[in-house]
Amino acid sequence: MGSVVPSLKITQASFNIDFAGSLRELEKRATPLVKAMLSRAAADARSNLERNKSVDSGLLKKSIKTKFKTRGRIFWGAVGVDSNVDGLVGKITKQTRRPIKYAHLIERGFTHYPDGSAIQAKPFLAPAVNKMGGAEGVAKKLKEMSVEIMARTKTK
């Protein structure tokens, strides 16, 4: 297989997978699989927000996006909070909110100063990513697929 570089940032989970060799069929079959896994993780993150009762204006839920790119033999994918999403939340005060600025506070919790009271974490992204197995889960599925393709290639 190739190398897998997983990472879970505060508001994003991403992976890099480098395939050795020219496995066109793997790339062709893996792309829809990985895109589906990322979409499922994003949908799970959105439902986790509702389940945790963390939806106020709906901006954070709206900002959960996926990205997927291939460059040669490298797959790159991410699910996280889009930094370009913002929205008007105060009709009278005309306030705008950017979910990227507070998503980590909901995900990890925080201590409210000056009174020192703790605000409980309500994770939404990490459980969704863990459900798909994280980068390791994606790599495992792709490895299984590559073994299957290689076995079929050898029998021909």
Protein backbone atom coordinates (compact mmCIF):
# COMPACT_ATOMS: atom_id res chain seq x y z
CA MET A 1 0.00 0.00 0.00
CA GLY A 2 1.39 3.46 0.47
CA SER A 3 1.88 5.79 3.34
CA VAL A 4 -0.98 7.24 5.34
CA VAL A 5 -0.62 10.55 7.14
CA PRO A 6 -3.66 11.00 9.42
CA SER A 7 -4.37 14.09 11.47
CA LEU A 8 -7.24 15.37 13.56
CA LYS A 9 -7.08 19.10 13.96
CA ILE A 10 -9.42 21.01 16.23
CA THR A 11 -12.07 21.51 13.58
CA GLN A 12 -10.98 19.19 10.80
CA ALA A 13 -10.01 15.64 10.11
CA SER A 14 -7.90 14.95 7.06
CA PHE A 15 -5.75 12.30 5.46
CA ASN A 16 -3.17 11.81 2.74
CA ILE A 17 -2.77 8.45 1.05
CA ASP A 18 0.04 7.76 -1.43
CA PHE A 19 -0.40 4.68 -3.60
CA ALA A 20 2.64 2.90 -4.89
CA GLY A 21 2.45 1.85 -8.50
CA SER A 22 -0.04 2.77 -11.18
CA LEU A 23 -3.31 1.35 -9.93
CA ARG A 24 -5.77 3.11 -12.21
CA GLU A 25 -8.59 0.73 -11.32
CA LEU A 26 -8.04 1.34 -7.62
CA GLU A 27 -8.17 5.09 -8.14
CA LYS A 28 -11.32 4.74 -10.23
CA ARG A 29 -13.07 2.58 -7.64
CA ALA A 30 -11.65 4.27 -4.55
CA THR A 31 -12.68 7.82 -5.38
CA PRO A 32 -16.45 7.22 -4.96
CA LEU A 33 -15.80 5.12 -1.84
CA VAL A 34 -13.74 7.82 -0.14
CA LYS A 35 -16.17 10.57 -1.15
CA ALA A 36 -19.04 8.53 0.30
CA MET A 37 -17.14 7.98 3.57
CA LEU A 38 -16.42 11.71 3.88
CA SER A 39 -20.05 12.60 3.12
CA ARG A 40 -21.25 10.09 5.72
CA ALA A 41 -18.90 11.60 8.32
CA ALA A 42 -20.17 15.12 7.54
CA ALA A 43 -23.79 13.96 7.84
CA ASP A 44 -22.98 12.26 11.15
CA ALA A 45 -21.32 15.45 12.43
CA ARG A 46 -24.44 17.44 11.53
CA SER A 47 -26.72 14.97 13.29
CA ASN A 48 -24.39 14.97 16.32
CA LEU A 49 -24.89 18.74 16.58
CA GLU A 50 -28.66 18.26 16.71
CA ARG A 51 -28.39 15.36 19.14
CA ASN A 52 -26.14 17.45 21.44
CA LYS A 53 -28.61 20.35 21.22
CA SER A 54 -25.80 22.56 19.90
CA VAL A 55 -27.79 24.14 17.07
CA ASP A 56 -28.68 27.79 17.61
CA SER A 57 -28.69 29.62 14.29
CA GLY A 58 -27.78 26.59 12.16
CA LEU A 59 -24.61 28.23 10.83
CA LEU A 60 -22.25 25.65 12.32
CA LYS A 61 -24.33 22.82 10.89
CA LYS A 62 -24.34 24.56 7.50
CA SER A 63 -20.56 25.06 7.62
CA ILE A 64 -19.63 21.36 7.90
CA LYS A 65 -18.14 20.51 4.51
CA THR A 66 -16.01 17.87 2.83
CA LYS A 67 -13.12 18.21 0.41
CA PHE A 68 -11.52 15.53 -1.70
CA LYS A 69 -8.64 15.82 -4.16
CA THR A 70 -6.40 13.49 -6.08
CA ARG A 71 -3.06 14.44 -7.48
CA GLY A 72 -1.42 11.59 -9.31
CA ARG A 73 -1.31 8.73 -6.83
CA ILE A 74 -2.08 10.84 -3.77
CA PHE A 75 -5.58 11.03 -2.30
CA TRP A 76 -6.37 13.87 0.07
CA GLY A 77 -9.64 14.24 1.93
CA ALA A 78 -11.01 16.29 4.78
CA VAL A 79 -14.22 16.86 6.70
CA GLY A 80 -14.48 19.94 8.86
CA VAL A 81 -15.78 23.45 9.38
CA ASP A 82 -15.56 25.68 6.31
CA SER A 83 -13.83 28.95 7.17
CA ASN A 84 -15.72 30.83 4.45
CA VAL A 85 -19.18 30.39 6.00
CA ASP A 86 -20.67 33.28 7.91
CA GLY A 87 -24.17 34.53 8.44
CA LEU A 88 -26.38 37.21 9.87
CA VAL A 89 -27.82 36.21 13.26
CA GLY A 90 -29.12 39.49 14.64
CA LYS A 91 -31.90 41.03 12.56
CA ILE A 92 -31.85 44.26 14.53
CA THR A 93 -28.17 44.41 15.50
CA LYS A 94 -26.96 43.04 12.15
CA GLN A 95 -24.42 40.75 13.85
CA THR A 96 -22.60 38.15 11.80
CA ARG A 97 -21.14 34.90 13.10
CA ARG A 98 -18.36 32.76 11.68
CA PRO A 99 -18.63 29.14 12.87
CA ILE A 100 -14.89 28.56 12.42
CA LYS A 101 -14.36 30.95 15.35
CA TYR A 102 -16.45 28.94 17.84
CA ALA A 103 -16.63 25.36 16.53
CA HIS A 104 -13.64 24.28 18.63
CA LEU A 105 -15.32 25.62 21.78
CA ILE A 106 -18.34 23.40 21.20
CA GLU A 107 -16.19 20.40 20.21
CA ARG A 108 -13.75 20.60 23.15
CA GLY A 109 -15.56 22.67 25.78
CA PHE A 110 -13.99 25.56 27.65
CA THR A 111 -13.70 27.35 30.97
CA HIS A 112 -15.72 30.54 31.13
CA TYR A 113 -13.73 33.38 32.64
CA PRO A 114 -13.84 35.34 34.99
CA ASP A 115 -16.14 33.14 37.10
CA GLY A 116 -14.27 29.95 36.16
CA SER A 117 -17.35 27.89 35.33
CA ALA A 118 -16.70 25.05 32.91
CA ILE A 119 -18.76 24.76 29.75
CA GLN A 120 -19.18 21.09 28.92
CA ALA A 121 -17.77 19.82 25.61
CA LYS A 122 -20.31 18.63 23.06
CA PRO A 123 -18.17 16.78 20.50
CA PHE A 124 -19.72 16.56 17.06
CA LEU A 125 -16.84 16.12 14.59
CA ALA A 126 -14.52 13.69 16.40
CA PRO A 127 -17.26 11.04 16.97
CA ALA A 128 -18.26 11.25 13.30
CA VAL A 129 -14.66 10.82 12.15
CA ASN A 130 -14.07 8.01 14.65
CA LYS A 131 -17.20 6.24 13.38
CA MET A 132 -15.66 5.98 9.91
CA GLY A 133 -12.40 4.84 11.48
CA GLY A 134 -10.52 8.07 10.83
CA ALA A 135 -7.74 8.10 8.27
CA GLU A 136 -6.80 4.59 9.34
CA GLY A 137 -10.34 3.38 8.50
CA VAL A 138 -10.17 4.93 5.05
CA ALA A 139 -6.72 3.44 4.47
CA LYS A 140 -7.92 0.00 5.62
CA LYS A 141 -10.85 0.03 3.17
CA LEU A 142 -8.56 1.15 0.35
CA LYS A 143 -6.00 -1.52 1.22
CA GLU A 144 -8.70 -4.22 1.13
CA MET A 145 -9.83 -2.90 -2.24
CA SER A 146 -6.27 -2.88 -3.61
CA VAL A 147 -5.64 -6.46 -2.44
CA GLU A 148 -8.84 -7.56 -4.21
CA ILE A 149 -7.84 -5.76 -7.42
CA MET A 150 -4.30 -7.16 -7.33
CA ALA A 151 -5.64 -10.70 -6.78
CA ARG A 152 -7.91 -10.36 -9.81
CA THR A 153 -5.06 -8.97 -11.89
CA LYS A 154 -2.82 -11.96 -11.05
CA THR A 155 -5.51 -14.50 -12.00
CA LYS A 156 -5.94 -13.01 -15.48
